[in-house]
N, C-alpha and C. Protein backbone atom coordinates (compact mmCIF):
# COMPACT_ATOMS: atom_id res chain seq x y z
N MET A 1 -24.75 9.84 -17.80
CA MET A 1 -24.53 9.89 -16.37
C MET A 1 -23.94 11.25 -15.99
N THR A 2 -24.21 11.66 -14.76
CA THR A 2 -23.66 12.91 -14.25
C THR A 2 -22.82 12.62 -13.00
N THR A 3 -21.71 13.32 -12.92
CA THR A 3 -20.75 13.07 -11.85
C THR A 3 -20.48 14.35 -11.06
N ALA A 4 -20.39 14.19 -9.75
CA ALA A 4 -19.91 15.25 -8.88
C ALA A 4 -18.45 14.92 -8.56
N ILE A 5 -17.56 15.88 -8.82
CA ILE A 5 -16.14 15.68 -8.57
C ILE A 5 -15.76 16.45 -7.31
N LEU A 6 -15.18 15.73 -6.35
CA LEU A 6 -14.76 16.32 -5.07
C LEU A 6 -13.27 16.04 -4.89
N ILE A 7 -12.49 17.11 -4.70
CA ILE A 7 -11.03 16.97 -4.57
C ILE A 7 -10.56 17.53 -3.24
N ASP A 8 -9.87 16.69 -2.49
CA ASP A 8 -9.23 17.08 -1.23
C ASP A 8 -7.89 17.71 -1.59
N GLY A 9 -7.83 19.04 -1.57
CA GLY A 9 -6.64 19.75 -2.01
C GLY A 9 -5.39 19.44 -1.20
N ALA A 10 -5.52 19.29 0.11
CA ALA A 10 -4.36 18.98 0.94
C ALA A 10 -3.82 17.59 0.60
N TYR A 11 -4.72 16.66 0.34
CA TYR A 11 -4.29 15.31 -0.05
C TYR A 11 -3.58 15.36 -1.40
N LEU A 12 -4.15 16.10 -2.34
CA LEU A 12 -3.53 16.23 -3.65
C LEU A 12 -2.15 16.88 -3.53
N ASP A 13 -2.02 17.88 -2.65
CA ASP A 13 -0.71 18.49 -2.40
C ASP A 13 0.29 17.44 -1.92
N ALA A 14 -0.13 16.57 -0.99
CA ALA A 14 0.76 15.53 -0.46
C ALA A 14 1.16 14.55 -1.55
N VAL A 15 0.21 14.16 -2.39
CA VAL A 15 0.52 13.24 -3.49
C VAL A 15 1.54 13.88 -4.43
N CYS A 16 1.34 15.15 -4.75
CA CYS A 16 2.30 15.83 -5.63
C CYS A 16 3.68 15.91 -4.99
N LYS A 17 3.73 16.16 -3.70
CA LYS A 17 5.00 16.27 -2.99
C LYS A 17 5.73 14.93 -2.94
N TRP A 18 5.02 13.88 -2.51
CA TRP A 18 5.67 12.60 -2.27
C TRP A 18 5.76 11.71 -3.49
N ASP A 19 4.78 11.78 -4.39
CA ASP A 19 4.79 10.90 -5.56
C ASP A 19 5.41 11.56 -6.79
N LEU A 20 5.28 12.86 -6.88
CA LEU A 20 5.69 13.56 -8.10
C LEU A 20 6.82 14.56 -7.90
N GLN A 21 7.42 14.54 -6.72
CA GLN A 21 8.53 15.44 -6.41
C GLN A 21 8.19 16.90 -6.73
N GLY A 22 6.98 17.32 -6.37
CA GLY A 22 6.56 18.71 -6.52
C GLY A 22 6.01 19.08 -7.89
N GLN A 23 5.88 18.12 -8.77
CA GLN A 23 5.34 18.39 -10.11
C GLN A 23 3.91 18.91 -10.00
N ARG A 24 3.53 19.79 -10.89
CA ARG A 24 2.18 20.37 -10.88
C ARG A 24 1.17 19.45 -11.55
N VAL A 25 -0.09 19.66 -11.20
CA VAL A 25 -1.19 18.85 -11.73
C VAL A 25 -1.77 19.51 -12.97
N ASP A 26 -2.03 18.72 -13.98
CA ASP A 26 -2.76 19.18 -15.16
C ASP A 26 -4.25 18.97 -14.84
N PHE A 27 -4.91 20.02 -14.36
CA PHE A 27 -6.29 19.88 -13.90
C PHE A 27 -7.25 19.52 -15.02
N ALA A 28 -7.01 20.00 -16.23
CA ALA A 28 -7.89 19.65 -17.35
C ALA A 28 -7.87 18.14 -17.58
N SER A 29 -6.68 17.56 -17.58
CA SER A 29 -6.55 16.12 -17.77
C SER A 29 -7.12 15.35 -16.58
N LEU A 30 -6.85 15.83 -15.36
CA LEU A 30 -7.37 15.17 -14.17
C LEU A 30 -8.90 15.13 -14.19
N LEU A 31 -9.52 16.26 -14.49
CA LEU A 31 -10.99 16.31 -14.55
C LEU A 31 -11.54 15.37 -15.62
N GLU A 32 -10.89 15.34 -16.76
CA GLU A 32 -11.33 14.46 -17.84
C GLU A 32 -11.30 13.00 -17.40
N HIS A 33 -10.22 12.61 -16.75
CA HIS A 33 -10.12 11.22 -16.28
C HIS A 33 -11.12 10.93 -15.16
N MET A 34 -11.27 11.87 -14.24
CA MET A 34 -12.20 11.64 -13.13
C MET A 34 -13.65 11.57 -13.62
N ALA A 35 -13.99 12.35 -14.64
CA ALA A 35 -15.35 12.33 -15.18
C ALA A 35 -15.62 11.04 -15.94
N ASN A 36 -14.60 10.46 -16.53
CA ASN A 36 -14.73 9.18 -17.24
C ASN A 36 -15.85 9.22 -18.28
N GLY A 37 -15.95 10.32 -19.02
CA GLY A 37 -16.96 10.43 -20.07
C GLY A 37 -18.31 10.95 -19.61
N ASP A 38 -18.50 11.07 -18.31
CA ASP A 38 -19.77 11.58 -17.77
C ASP A 38 -19.84 13.10 -17.88
N THR A 39 -21.05 13.62 -17.80
CA THR A 39 -21.24 15.05 -17.66
C THR A 39 -20.89 15.42 -16.22
N ILE A 40 -20.14 16.50 -16.07
CA ILE A 40 -19.75 16.93 -14.72
C ILE A 40 -20.81 17.89 -14.20
N ALA A 41 -21.49 17.49 -13.13
CA ALA A 41 -22.53 18.33 -12.54
C ALA A 41 -21.93 19.43 -11.68
N ARG A 42 -20.89 19.09 -10.93
CA ARG A 42 -20.22 20.10 -10.12
C ARG A 42 -18.82 19.61 -9.77
N LYS A 43 -17.95 20.60 -9.53
CA LYS A 43 -16.56 20.34 -9.16
C LYS A 43 -16.28 21.15 -7.90
N THR A 44 -15.83 20.47 -6.86
CA THR A 44 -15.55 21.17 -5.61
C THR A 44 -14.15 20.81 -5.14
N TYR A 45 -13.42 21.84 -4.74
CA TYR A 45 -12.04 21.71 -4.27
C TYR A 45 -12.02 22.16 -2.82
N TYR A 46 -11.53 21.30 -1.93
CA TYR A 46 -11.53 21.56 -0.49
C TYR A 46 -10.10 21.76 -0.01
N HIS A 47 -9.91 22.73 0.82
CA HIS A 47 -8.57 22.99 1.36
C HIS A 47 -8.73 23.85 2.61
N CYS A 48 -7.62 24.28 3.16
CA CYS A 48 -7.61 25.21 4.28
C CYS A 48 -6.70 26.37 3.94
N PRO A 49 -7.01 27.55 4.45
CA PRO A 49 -6.17 28.71 4.14
C PRO A 49 -4.80 28.61 4.80
N VAL A 50 -3.84 29.30 4.22
CA VAL A 50 -2.50 29.38 4.79
C VAL A 50 -2.60 29.98 6.20
N TRP A 51 -1.82 29.44 7.13
CA TRP A 51 -1.79 29.97 8.49
C TRP A 51 -1.14 31.35 8.48
N LEU A 52 -1.75 32.29 9.19
CA LEU A 52 -1.19 33.62 9.33
C LEU A 52 -0.93 33.92 10.80
N SER A 53 0.32 34.25 11.12
CA SER A 53 0.67 34.67 12.47
C SER A 53 0.06 36.04 12.72
N GLU A 54 0.18 36.50 13.97
CA GLU A 54 -0.31 37.84 14.30
C GLU A 54 0.86 38.66 14.81
N PRO A 55 1.42 39.55 14.08
CA PRO A 55 1.08 39.93 12.70
C PRO A 55 1.68 38.93 11.71
N PRO A 56 1.11 38.84 10.51
CA PRO A 56 1.62 37.89 9.49
C PRO A 56 3.03 38.26 9.03
N SER A 57 3.83 37.23 8.80
CA SER A 57 5.17 37.46 8.24
C SER A 57 5.04 37.75 6.74
N GLU A 58 6.07 38.25 6.17
CA GLU A 58 6.07 38.53 4.72
C GLU A 58 5.89 37.23 3.94
N ASP A 59 6.55 36.16 4.39
CA ASP A 59 6.42 34.86 3.73
C ASP A 59 4.97 34.36 3.80
N GLU A 60 4.35 34.50 4.95
CA GLU A 60 2.94 34.05 5.09
C GLU A 60 2.04 34.86 4.17
N ARG A 61 2.26 36.16 4.09
CA ARG A 61 1.45 36.99 3.19
C ARG A 61 1.63 36.56 1.74
N HIS A 62 2.87 36.26 1.37
CA HIS A 62 3.15 35.82 0.00
C HIS A 62 2.46 34.49 -0.29
N ARG A 63 2.58 33.53 0.65
CA ARG A 63 1.93 32.23 0.46
C ARG A 63 0.41 32.36 0.41
N GLN A 64 -0.15 33.26 1.23
CA GLN A 64 -1.59 33.48 1.21
C GLN A 64 -2.03 34.05 -0.14
N SER A 65 -1.28 35.01 -0.64
CA SER A 65 -1.60 35.62 -1.93
C SER A 65 -1.53 34.58 -3.05
N ALA A 66 -0.48 33.75 -3.03
CA ALA A 66 -0.34 32.70 -4.05
C ALA A 66 -1.49 31.70 -3.96
N GLN A 67 -1.88 31.34 -2.74
CA GLN A 67 -2.97 30.39 -2.56
C GLN A 67 -4.29 30.98 -3.07
N ARG A 68 -4.55 32.23 -2.75
CA ARG A 68 -5.77 32.88 -3.22
C ARG A 68 -5.80 32.95 -4.74
N SER A 69 -4.65 33.24 -5.35
CA SER A 69 -4.58 33.28 -6.82
C SER A 69 -4.86 31.91 -7.42
N PHE A 70 -4.32 30.86 -6.77
CA PHE A 70 -4.56 29.50 -7.24
C PHE A 70 -6.03 29.14 -7.14
N PHE A 71 -6.67 29.47 -6.01
CA PHE A 71 -8.09 29.19 -5.85
C PHE A 71 -8.91 29.95 -6.90
N ALA A 72 -8.53 31.19 -7.18
CA ALA A 72 -9.23 31.98 -8.20
C ALA A 72 -9.07 31.33 -9.57
N LEU A 73 -7.89 30.81 -9.86
CA LEU A 73 -7.66 30.12 -11.13
C LEU A 73 -8.55 28.88 -11.24
N LEU A 74 -8.62 28.10 -10.16
CA LEU A 74 -9.48 26.90 -10.17
C LEU A 74 -10.93 27.28 -10.47
N THR A 75 -11.37 28.38 -9.89
CA THR A 75 -12.75 28.82 -10.09
C THR A 75 -12.96 29.35 -11.51
N ARG A 76 -12.09 30.24 -11.92
CA ARG A 76 -12.25 30.91 -13.22
C ARG A 76 -12.01 29.97 -14.39
N ARG A 77 -10.92 29.23 -14.35
CA ARG A 77 -10.53 28.43 -15.52
C ARG A 77 -11.20 27.06 -15.56
N PHE A 78 -11.43 26.47 -14.38
CA PHE A 78 -11.93 25.09 -14.37
C PHE A 78 -13.33 24.96 -13.77
N GLY A 79 -13.91 26.04 -13.30
CA GLY A 79 -15.28 26.01 -12.79
C GLY A 79 -15.46 25.37 -11.43
N PHE A 80 -14.40 25.31 -10.63
CA PHE A 80 -14.51 24.74 -9.30
C PHE A 80 -15.20 25.70 -8.34
N SER A 81 -15.90 25.11 -7.40
CA SER A 81 -16.30 25.81 -6.19
C SER A 81 -15.23 25.45 -5.16
N VAL A 82 -14.66 26.45 -4.49
CA VAL A 82 -13.62 26.19 -3.49
C VAL A 82 -14.23 26.37 -2.11
N LYS A 83 -14.08 25.34 -1.28
CA LYS A 83 -14.59 25.39 0.09
C LYS A 83 -13.42 25.24 1.05
N LEU A 84 -13.35 26.17 2.00
CA LEU A 84 -12.21 26.21 2.91
C LEU A 84 -12.60 25.82 4.33
N GLY A 85 -11.75 25.00 4.92
CA GLY A 85 -11.87 24.66 6.33
C GLY A 85 -11.07 25.66 7.14
N LYS A 86 -10.45 25.20 8.19
CA LYS A 86 -9.69 26.07 9.08
C LYS A 86 -8.32 25.43 9.34
N THR A 87 -7.28 26.27 9.35
CA THR A 87 -5.94 25.81 9.67
C THR A 87 -5.67 26.03 11.15
N THR A 88 -5.11 25.02 11.79
CA THR A 88 -4.77 25.14 13.20
C THR A 88 -3.26 25.05 13.35
N ARG A 89 -2.76 25.64 14.43
CA ARG A 89 -1.32 25.62 14.72
C ARG A 89 -1.14 25.21 16.18
N ILE A 90 -0.35 24.16 16.37
CA ILE A 90 -0.08 23.65 17.71
C ILE A 90 1.42 23.62 17.90
N VAL A 91 1.88 24.08 19.06
CA VAL A 91 3.30 24.00 19.40
C VAL A 91 3.46 22.86 20.40
N ALA A 92 4.17 21.84 20.00
CA ALA A 92 4.40 20.67 20.86
C ALA A 92 5.35 21.05 22.00
N SER A 93 5.40 20.21 23.02
CA SER A 93 6.28 20.48 24.16
C SER A 93 7.74 20.53 23.74
N SER A 94 8.07 19.88 22.63
CA SER A 94 9.44 19.91 22.10
C SER A 94 9.75 21.22 21.39
N GLY A 95 8.70 22.03 21.20
CA GLY A 95 8.88 23.28 20.46
C GLY A 95 8.54 23.16 18.99
N GLN A 96 8.30 21.94 18.53
CA GLN A 96 7.97 21.72 17.12
C GLN A 96 6.58 22.29 16.84
N VAL A 97 6.47 23.02 15.73
CA VAL A 97 5.19 23.59 15.32
C VAL A 97 4.50 22.61 14.37
N ILE A 98 3.26 22.29 14.69
CA ILE A 98 2.48 21.33 13.89
C ILE A 98 1.24 22.05 13.38
N PHE A 99 1.06 22.03 12.06
CA PHE A 99 -0.13 22.63 11.45
C PHE A 99 -1.12 21.52 11.13
N GLY A 100 -2.38 21.80 11.33
CA GLY A 100 -3.42 20.82 11.04
C GLY A 100 -4.58 21.47 10.32
N GLN A 101 -5.44 20.63 9.81
CA GLN A 101 -6.63 21.10 9.11
C GLN A 101 -7.86 20.67 9.87
N ARG A 102 -8.83 21.56 9.92
CA ARG A 102 -10.10 21.26 10.57
C ARG A 102 -11.23 21.65 9.62
N LYS A 103 -12.28 20.88 9.67
CA LYS A 103 -13.55 21.14 8.99
C LYS A 103 -13.57 20.85 7.50
N SER A 104 -12.43 20.77 6.81
CA SER A 104 -12.51 20.50 5.36
C SER A 104 -13.06 19.10 5.11
N ASP A 105 -12.73 18.13 5.98
CA ASP A 105 -13.29 16.79 5.81
C ASP A 105 -14.78 16.78 6.10
N VAL A 106 -15.22 17.61 7.03
CA VAL A 106 -16.65 17.70 7.34
C VAL A 106 -17.40 18.29 6.14
N LEU A 107 -16.82 19.33 5.54
CA LEU A 107 -17.43 19.92 4.34
C LEU A 107 -17.56 18.87 3.23
N MET A 108 -16.52 18.06 3.06
CA MET A 108 -16.56 17.01 2.03
C MET A 108 -17.62 15.96 2.37
N ALA A 109 -17.67 15.54 3.61
CA ALA A 109 -18.64 14.52 4.01
C ALA A 109 -20.07 15.00 3.78
N VAL A 110 -20.34 16.23 4.14
CA VAL A 110 -21.68 16.80 3.93
C VAL A 110 -22.01 16.82 2.44
N ASP A 111 -21.05 17.23 1.61
CA ASP A 111 -21.30 17.30 0.17
C ASP A 111 -21.49 15.91 -0.45
N ILE A 112 -20.80 14.92 0.07
CA ILE A 112 -20.99 13.55 -0.44
C ILE A 112 -22.42 13.10 -0.16
N VAL A 113 -22.89 13.30 1.06
CA VAL A 113 -24.25 12.90 1.43
C VAL A 113 -25.28 13.72 0.65
N GLN A 114 -25.06 15.03 0.54
CA GLN A 114 -25.98 15.88 -0.23
C GLN A 114 -26.05 15.43 -1.68
N SER A 115 -24.89 15.10 -2.26
CA SER A 115 -24.86 14.63 -3.65
C SER A 115 -25.67 13.36 -3.82
N ALA A 116 -25.63 12.51 -2.81
CA ALA A 116 -26.34 11.24 -2.89
C ALA A 116 -27.86 11.42 -2.86
N PHE A 117 -28.33 12.47 -2.20
CA PHE A 117 -29.77 12.62 -2.02
C PHE A 117 -30.40 13.80 -2.74
N SER A 118 -29.60 14.64 -3.38
CA SER A 118 -30.15 15.84 -4.01
C SER A 118 -30.74 15.58 -5.38
N GLY A 119 -30.44 14.46 -5.99
CA GLY A 119 -30.91 14.18 -7.33
C GLY A 119 -29.99 14.83 -8.35
N GLY A 120 -29.99 14.33 -9.55
CA GLY A 120 -29.18 14.89 -10.61
C GLY A 120 -27.75 14.38 -10.65
N ILE A 121 -27.37 13.57 -9.68
CA ILE A 121 -26.02 12.99 -9.64
C ILE A 121 -26.16 11.48 -9.74
N SER A 122 -25.38 10.88 -10.63
CA SER A 122 -25.42 9.42 -10.73
C SER A 122 -24.12 8.77 -10.27
N ARG A 123 -23.10 9.60 -10.01
CA ARG A 123 -21.82 9.05 -9.55
C ARG A 123 -21.03 10.16 -8.86
N ILE A 124 -20.22 9.77 -7.88
CA ILE A 124 -19.31 10.69 -7.20
C ILE A 124 -17.89 10.24 -7.52
N ALA A 125 -17.06 11.19 -7.93
CA ALA A 125 -15.63 10.94 -8.13
C ALA A 125 -14.91 11.69 -7.02
N LEU A 126 -14.27 10.96 -6.13
CA LEU A 126 -13.67 11.52 -4.92
C LEU A 126 -12.16 11.31 -4.94
N LEU A 127 -11.42 12.41 -4.85
CA LEU A 127 -9.96 12.33 -4.75
C LEU A 127 -9.60 12.67 -3.31
N SER A 128 -9.28 11.65 -2.54
CA SER A 128 -8.94 11.83 -1.13
C SER A 128 -8.38 10.53 -0.58
N GLY A 129 -7.74 10.64 0.57
CA GLY A 129 -7.29 9.45 1.27
C GLY A 129 -7.80 9.43 2.70
N ASN A 130 -8.68 10.37 3.01
CA ASN A 130 -9.14 10.58 4.37
C ASN A 130 -10.15 9.51 4.79
N ALA A 131 -9.74 8.65 5.70
CA ALA A 131 -10.61 7.55 6.16
C ALA A 131 -11.87 8.07 6.84
N ASP A 132 -11.86 9.31 7.33
CA ASP A 132 -13.06 9.88 7.97
C ASP A 132 -14.22 10.02 6.99
N LEU A 133 -13.96 9.92 5.70
CA LEU A 133 -15.02 10.04 4.70
C LEU A 133 -15.71 8.71 4.40
N ALA A 134 -15.24 7.63 5.00
CA ALA A 134 -15.80 6.30 4.72
C ALA A 134 -17.29 6.22 5.01
N GLY A 135 -17.74 6.81 6.12
CA GLY A 135 -19.16 6.75 6.47
C GLY A 135 -20.04 7.45 5.45
N SER A 136 -19.61 8.61 4.97
CA SER A 136 -20.43 9.33 3.98
C SER A 136 -20.41 8.61 2.62
N VAL A 137 -19.29 7.99 2.28
CA VAL A 137 -19.24 7.20 1.03
C VAL A 137 -20.16 5.99 1.16
N ARG A 138 -20.22 5.41 2.34
CA ARG A 138 -21.14 4.28 2.58
C ARG A 138 -22.59 4.73 2.43
N ILE A 139 -22.93 5.91 2.96
CA ILE A 139 -24.29 6.44 2.81
C ILE A 139 -24.63 6.64 1.34
N ALA A 140 -23.68 7.19 0.58
CA ALA A 140 -23.92 7.37 -0.87
C ALA A 140 -24.15 6.02 -1.54
N ARG A 141 -23.37 5.02 -1.16
CA ARG A 141 -23.53 3.68 -1.74
C ARG A 141 -24.92 3.12 -1.42
N LEU A 142 -25.38 3.30 -0.18
CA LEU A 142 -26.71 2.83 0.21
C LEU A 142 -27.81 3.56 -0.55
N ALA A 143 -27.52 4.80 -0.96
CA ALA A 143 -28.49 5.59 -1.75
C ALA A 143 -28.36 5.27 -3.23
N LYS A 144 -27.57 4.25 -3.56
CA LYS A 144 -27.38 3.79 -4.95
C LYS A 144 -26.59 4.78 -5.80
N ILE A 145 -25.75 5.58 -5.15
CA ILE A 145 -24.85 6.50 -5.86
C ILE A 145 -23.43 5.97 -5.67
N PRO A 146 -22.87 5.36 -6.71
CA PRO A 146 -21.53 4.80 -6.57
C PRO A 146 -20.46 5.89 -6.45
N THR A 147 -19.40 5.56 -5.75
CA THR A 147 -18.26 6.46 -5.60
C THR A 147 -17.03 5.82 -6.21
N THR A 148 -16.34 6.59 -7.05
CA THR A 148 -15.03 6.19 -7.55
C THR A 148 -14.01 6.95 -6.72
N LEU A 149 -13.14 6.21 -6.05
CA LEU A 149 -12.11 6.81 -5.20
C LEU A 149 -10.81 6.90 -5.98
N TRP A 150 -10.26 8.10 -6.05
CA TRP A 150 -8.95 8.35 -6.65
C TRP A 150 -7.97 8.55 -5.50
N TYR A 151 -6.91 7.74 -5.45
CA TYR A 151 -6.02 7.75 -4.29
C TYR A 151 -4.60 7.37 -4.70
N SER A 152 -3.69 7.53 -3.74
CA SER A 152 -2.28 7.18 -3.93
C SER A 152 -1.95 5.89 -3.20
N GLU A 153 -0.98 5.17 -3.72
CA GLU A 153 -0.49 3.98 -3.03
C GLU A 153 0.82 4.24 -2.29
N ASN A 154 1.29 5.48 -2.33
CA ASN A 154 2.52 5.84 -1.62
C ASN A 154 2.28 5.74 -0.12
N ASN A 155 3.19 5.15 0.60
CA ASN A 155 3.02 4.97 2.05
C ASN A 155 2.84 6.28 2.80
N LYS A 156 3.38 7.38 2.29
CA LYS A 156 3.28 8.67 2.98
C LYS A 156 1.92 9.33 2.81
N CYS A 157 1.15 8.89 1.83
CA CYS A 157 -0.18 9.49 1.63
C CYS A 157 -1.18 8.43 1.15
N MET A 158 -1.07 7.25 1.72
CA MET A 158 -1.94 6.14 1.36
C MET A 158 -3.38 6.40 1.85
N ALA A 159 -4.33 5.97 1.07
CA ALA A 159 -5.74 6.11 1.45
C ALA A 159 -6.07 5.12 2.57
N GLY A 160 -6.97 5.54 3.46
CA GLY A 160 -7.41 4.68 4.54
C GLY A 160 -8.12 3.44 4.03
N ALA A 161 -7.86 2.30 4.66
CA ALA A 161 -8.45 1.03 4.23
C ALA A 161 -9.97 1.07 4.28
N GLU A 162 -10.53 1.70 5.31
CA GLU A 162 -11.99 1.76 5.43
C GLU A 162 -12.61 2.56 4.29
N LEU A 163 -11.96 3.65 3.92
CA LEU A 163 -12.45 4.45 2.79
C LEU A 163 -12.39 3.64 1.51
N LYS A 164 -11.28 2.96 1.28
CA LYS A 164 -11.15 2.14 0.06
C LYS A 164 -12.20 1.04 0.03
N SER A 165 -12.53 0.47 1.20
CA SER A 165 -13.51 -0.62 1.22
C SER A 165 -14.93 -0.14 0.89
N GLN A 166 -15.22 1.13 1.13
CA GLN A 166 -16.57 1.65 0.88
C GLN A 166 -16.78 2.10 -0.57
N ALA A 167 -15.71 2.43 -1.26
CA ALA A 167 -15.83 2.90 -2.66
C ALA A 167 -16.06 1.71 -3.59
N GLN A 168 -16.98 1.90 -4.54
CA GLN A 168 -17.27 0.81 -5.48
C GLN A 168 -16.17 0.64 -6.51
N GLU A 169 -15.53 1.74 -6.88
CA GLU A 169 -14.47 1.68 -7.87
C GLU A 169 -13.27 2.44 -7.32
N LYS A 170 -12.07 1.96 -7.64
CA LYS A 170 -10.85 2.59 -7.15
C LYS A 170 -9.93 2.86 -8.33
N GLN A 171 -9.32 4.06 -8.31
CA GLN A 171 -8.37 4.45 -9.34
C GLN A 171 -7.11 4.96 -8.64
N ILE A 172 -5.97 4.50 -9.08
CA ILE A 172 -4.71 4.92 -8.47
C ILE A 172 -4.22 6.19 -9.20
N LEU A 173 -3.97 7.20 -8.40
CA LEU A 173 -3.56 8.50 -8.94
C LEU A 173 -2.14 8.53 -9.47
N ASN A 174 -1.23 7.82 -8.86
CA ASN A 174 0.19 7.97 -9.13
C ASN A 174 0.53 8.00 -10.60
N ASN A 175 0.03 7.05 -11.36
CA ASN A 175 0.35 6.98 -12.78
C ASN A 175 -0.37 8.04 -13.58
N LEU A 176 -1.60 8.35 -13.22
CA LEU A 176 -2.38 9.35 -13.93
C LEU A 176 -1.72 10.72 -13.86
N LEU A 177 -1.26 11.10 -12.68
CA LEU A 177 -0.70 12.44 -12.50
C LEU A 177 0.65 12.60 -13.19
N LYS A 178 1.29 11.51 -13.57
CA LYS A 178 2.58 11.60 -14.26
C LYS A 178 2.41 11.80 -15.76
N LEU A 179 1.17 11.80 -16.24
CA LEU A 179 0.92 12.00 -17.67
C LEU A 179 1.41 13.35 -18.13
C-alpha cells in the first residue's frame, strides 16, 4: 500500500504546546507511525509564514529565519514538500492583536481530493483537527481511499467531530508524541 502523509503544522504546534509543554517532535518516528508499514508516496507539511510588520521587528525577523530553517530541514532531511498559506493580523476593538491563518486548510483540502483521484495512493494519513477538512475526507472515502486521522484529545486542540466522523481510522497523537 502507498500512503500520502499530510501534516497541519499549526495544529501540530498547538498539540506540542498544550499536550507536550513545548517538547519537540521526532519526525522520523512520527512518519514511521503514520505510514504504518506502507510506502510513503508523498509527505506534505502545511503552515503559514511568520507575520512581519512593516518594517519587521528584530524578533519577527529572527522568528522568520528560524521558521525558514525549520521548513528547509523538513524538506532536506525528511523529504517534505512545504506548502504555505497566509498569515493575517487583526486588531480587535479591545486592542488585542489576533493572528489567523488563511488558505492552508484549502491547500490541504485540495491535496486530499487530488490524492484520492490521482492514482498511486491507497491511503491518506492526515494529522489535523480542522473540521473544515471533513468534506474532502468524505470525498476521499467515496473514492475508496481511506483516511487515518491523527489528532489530539486535549480540549485546547481537539479535532472537530465532523472530521473525526469522516475518517475511517483514528489515532490519538498525545501518547505517540511522548515517545
